[in-house]
Amino acid sequence: RIAELSKHCKSMLVVEMNGGQMLRDVQMAVSERIPVEFYGRMGGVIPFPDEIYGEIRRMLKESLPIGGDPSDRWLKRMTAQN
């Protein structure tokens, strides 16, 4: 289903409460047709809706790369805020 959805999307955001276990599955299904971004929280921390909305807004404004490691990009964004 993710592969089919990727044909109708400009990009995808994978939101997880872990380090990105589902991210790899989404990337494989999308097969680099569209950019895939990641937003994760670990340790039982639930992401707030405004955090996810902020990521969606960022994705709409930026030119997103296809390929690469979305979890590395996420980590750079998270450490840049501190």
C-alpha atoms as a PDB file:
ATOM      1  CA  ARG A   1       0.000   0.000   0.000  1.00  0.00           C
ATOM      2  CA  ILE A   2       2.878   2.411   0.755  1.00  0.00           C
ATOM      3  CA  ALA A   3       4.328   1.842  -2.714  1.00  0.00           C
ATOM      4  CA  GLU A   4       0.943   2.663  -4.258  1.00  0.00           C
ATOM      5  CA  LEU A   5       0.522   5.783  -2.097  1.00  0.00           C
ATOM      6  CA  SER A   6       3.981   7.011  -3.072  1.00  0.00           C
ATOM      7  CA  LYS A   7       2.765   7.369  -6.651  1.00  0.00           C
ATOM      8  CA  HIS A   8       0.355  10.079  -5.494  1.00  0.00           C
ATOM      9  CA  CYS A   9       2.563  11.968  -2.991  1.00  0.00           C
ATOM     10  CA  LYS A  10       5.314  14.554  -3.281  1.00  0.00           C
ATOM     11  CA  SER A  11       7.051  13.191  -0.177  1.00  0.00           C
ATOM     12  CA  MET A  12       6.441  11.046   2.911  1.00  0.00           C
ATOM     13  CA  LEU A  13       7.060  11.648   6.590  1.00  0.00           C
ATOM     14  CA  VAL A  14       7.657   8.630   8.810  1.00  0.00           C
ATOM     15  CA  VAL A  15       6.813   9.416  12.444  1.00  0.00           C
ATOM     16  CA  GLU A  16       7.899   6.836  15.002  1.00  0.00           C
ATOM     17  CA  MET A  17       8.406   6.437  18.715  1.00  0.00           C
ATOM     18  CA  ASN A  18      11.754   4.706  18.139  1.00  0.00           C
ATOM     19  CA  GLY A  19      14.943   5.052  16.136  1.00  0.00           C
ATOM     20  CA  GLY A  20      13.400   4.352  12.747  1.00  0.00           C
ATOM     21  CA  GLN A  21      12.639   0.635  12.413  1.00  0.00           C
ATOM     22  CA  MET A  22       9.698   1.288  10.079  1.00  0.00           C
ATOM     23  CA  LEU A  23      11.639   3.944   8.174  1.00  0.00           C
ATOM     24  CA  ARG A  24      13.670   1.341   6.279  1.00  0.00           C
ATOM     25  CA  ASP A  25      10.504  -0.495   5.216  1.00  0.00           C
ATOM     26  CA  VAL A  26       8.980   2.729   3.892  1.00  0.00           C
ATOM     27  CA  GLN A  27      12.178   3.567   2.006  1.00  0.00           C
ATOM     28  CA  MET A  28      12.205   0.130   0.386  1.00  0.00           C
ATOM     29  CA  ALA A  29       8.540   0.431  -0.621  1.00  0.00           C
ATOM     30  CA  VAL A  30       8.987   3.929  -2.058  1.00  0.00           C
ATOM     31  CA  SER A  31      12.089   2.875  -4.038  1.00  0.00           C
ATOM     32  CA  GLU A  32      13.432   6.453  -4.230  1.00  0.00           C
ATOM     33  CA  ARG A  33      10.415   7.701  -6.203  1.00  0.00           C
ATOM     34  CA  ILE A  34       9.858  10.494  -3.683  1.00  0.00           C
ATOM     35  CA  PRO A  35      11.733  11.959  -0.708  1.00  0.00           C
ATOM     36  CA  VAL A  36      11.217  10.237   2.633  1.00  0.00           C
ATOM     37  CA  GLU A  37      11.776  12.173   5.854  1.00  0.00           C
ATOM     38  CA  PHE A  38      11.866  10.917   9.440  1.00  0.00           C
ATOM     39  CA  TYR A  39      10.714  12.282  12.780  1.00  0.00           C
ATOM     40  CA  GLY A  40      11.351  10.105  15.807  1.00  0.00           C
ATOM     41  CA  ARG A  41      11.053  10.200  19.558  1.00  0.00           C
ATOM     42  CA  MET A  42      12.559   7.558  21.795  1.00  0.00           C
ATOM     43  CA  GLY A  43      12.248   6.599  25.440  1.00  0.00           C
ATOM     44  CA  GLY A  44       8.459   6.637  25.466  1.00  0.00           C
ATOM     45  CA  VAL A  45       8.286  10.311  24.472  1.00  0.00           C
ATOM     46  CA  ILE A  46       5.175  10.929  22.411  1.00  0.00           C
ATOM     47  CA  PRO A  47       5.581  13.557  19.661  1.00  0.00           C
ATOM     48  CA  PHE A  48       3.143  16.441  19.981  1.00  0.00           C
ATOM     49  CA  PRO A  49       0.891  17.268  17.018  1.00  0.00           C
ATOM     50  CA  ASP A  50       2.544  20.686  16.644  1.00  0.00           C
ATOM     51  CA  GLU A  51       5.947  18.985  16.268  1.00  0.00           C
ATOM     52  CA  ILE A  52       4.631  16.818  13.444  1.00  0.00           C
ATOM     53  CA  TYR A  53       2.893  19.815  11.877  1.00  0.00           C
ATOM     54  CA  GLY A  54       6.188  21.717  12.060  1.00  0.00           C
ATOM     55  CA  GLU A  55       7.915  18.910  10.184  1.00  0.00           C
ATOM     56  CA  ILE A  56       5.239  18.909   7.508  1.00  0.00           C
ATOM     57  CA  ARG A  57       5.596  22.673   7.112  1.00  0.00           C
ATOM     58  CA  ARG A  58       9.398  22.319   6.882  1.00  0.00           C
ATOM     59  CA  MET A  59       9.005  19.662   4.207  1.00  0.00           C
ATOM     60  CA  LEU A  60       6.731  21.917   2.160  1.00  0.00           C
ATOM     61  CA  LYS A  61       9.241  24.782   2.277  1.00  0.00           C
ATOM     62  CA  GLU A  62      12.484  22.884   1.636  1.00  0.00           C
ATOM     63  CA  SER A  63      13.825  21.094  -1.384  1.00  0.00           C
ATOM     64  CA  LEU A  64      14.034  17.539  -0.059  1.00  0.00           C
ATOM     65  CA  PRO A  65      16.671  15.058  -1.207  1.00  0.00           C
ATOM     66  CA  ILE A  66      15.736  11.686  -2.616  1.00  0.00           C
ATOM     67  CA  GLY A  67      17.834   9.004  -1.013  1.00  0.00           C
ATOM     68  CA  GLY A  68      20.388   9.377   1.713  1.00  0.00           C
ATOM     69  CA  ASP A  69      19.596   8.631   5.345  1.00  0.00           C
ATOM     70  CA  PRO A  70      16.527  10.441   6.696  1.00  0.00           C
ATOM     71  CA  SER A  71      17.432   9.477  10.269  1.00  0.00           C
ATOM     72  CA  ASP A  72      20.826  11.202   9.894  1.00  0.00           C
ATOM     73  CA  ARG A  73      19.103  14.354   8.628  1.00  0.00           C
ATOM     74  CA  TRP A  74      16.643  14.171  11.540  1.00  0.00           C
ATOM     75  CA  LEU A  75      19.485  13.820  14.039  1.00  0.00           C
ATOM     76  CA  LYS A  76      21.250  16.872  12.577  1.00  0.00           C
ATOM     77  CA  ARG A  77      18.035  18.906  12.878  1.00  0.00           C
ATOM     78  CA  MET A  78      17.483  17.786  16.466  1.00  0.00           C
ATOM     79  CA  THR A  79      21.048  18.529  17.589  1.00  0.00           C
ATOM     80  CA  ALA A  80      21.062  21.905  15.817  1.00  0.00           C
ATOM     81  CA  GLN A  81      18.122  23.020  17.988  1.00  0.00           C
ATOM     82  CA  ASN A  82      20.041  22.465  21.224  1.00  0.00           C
END
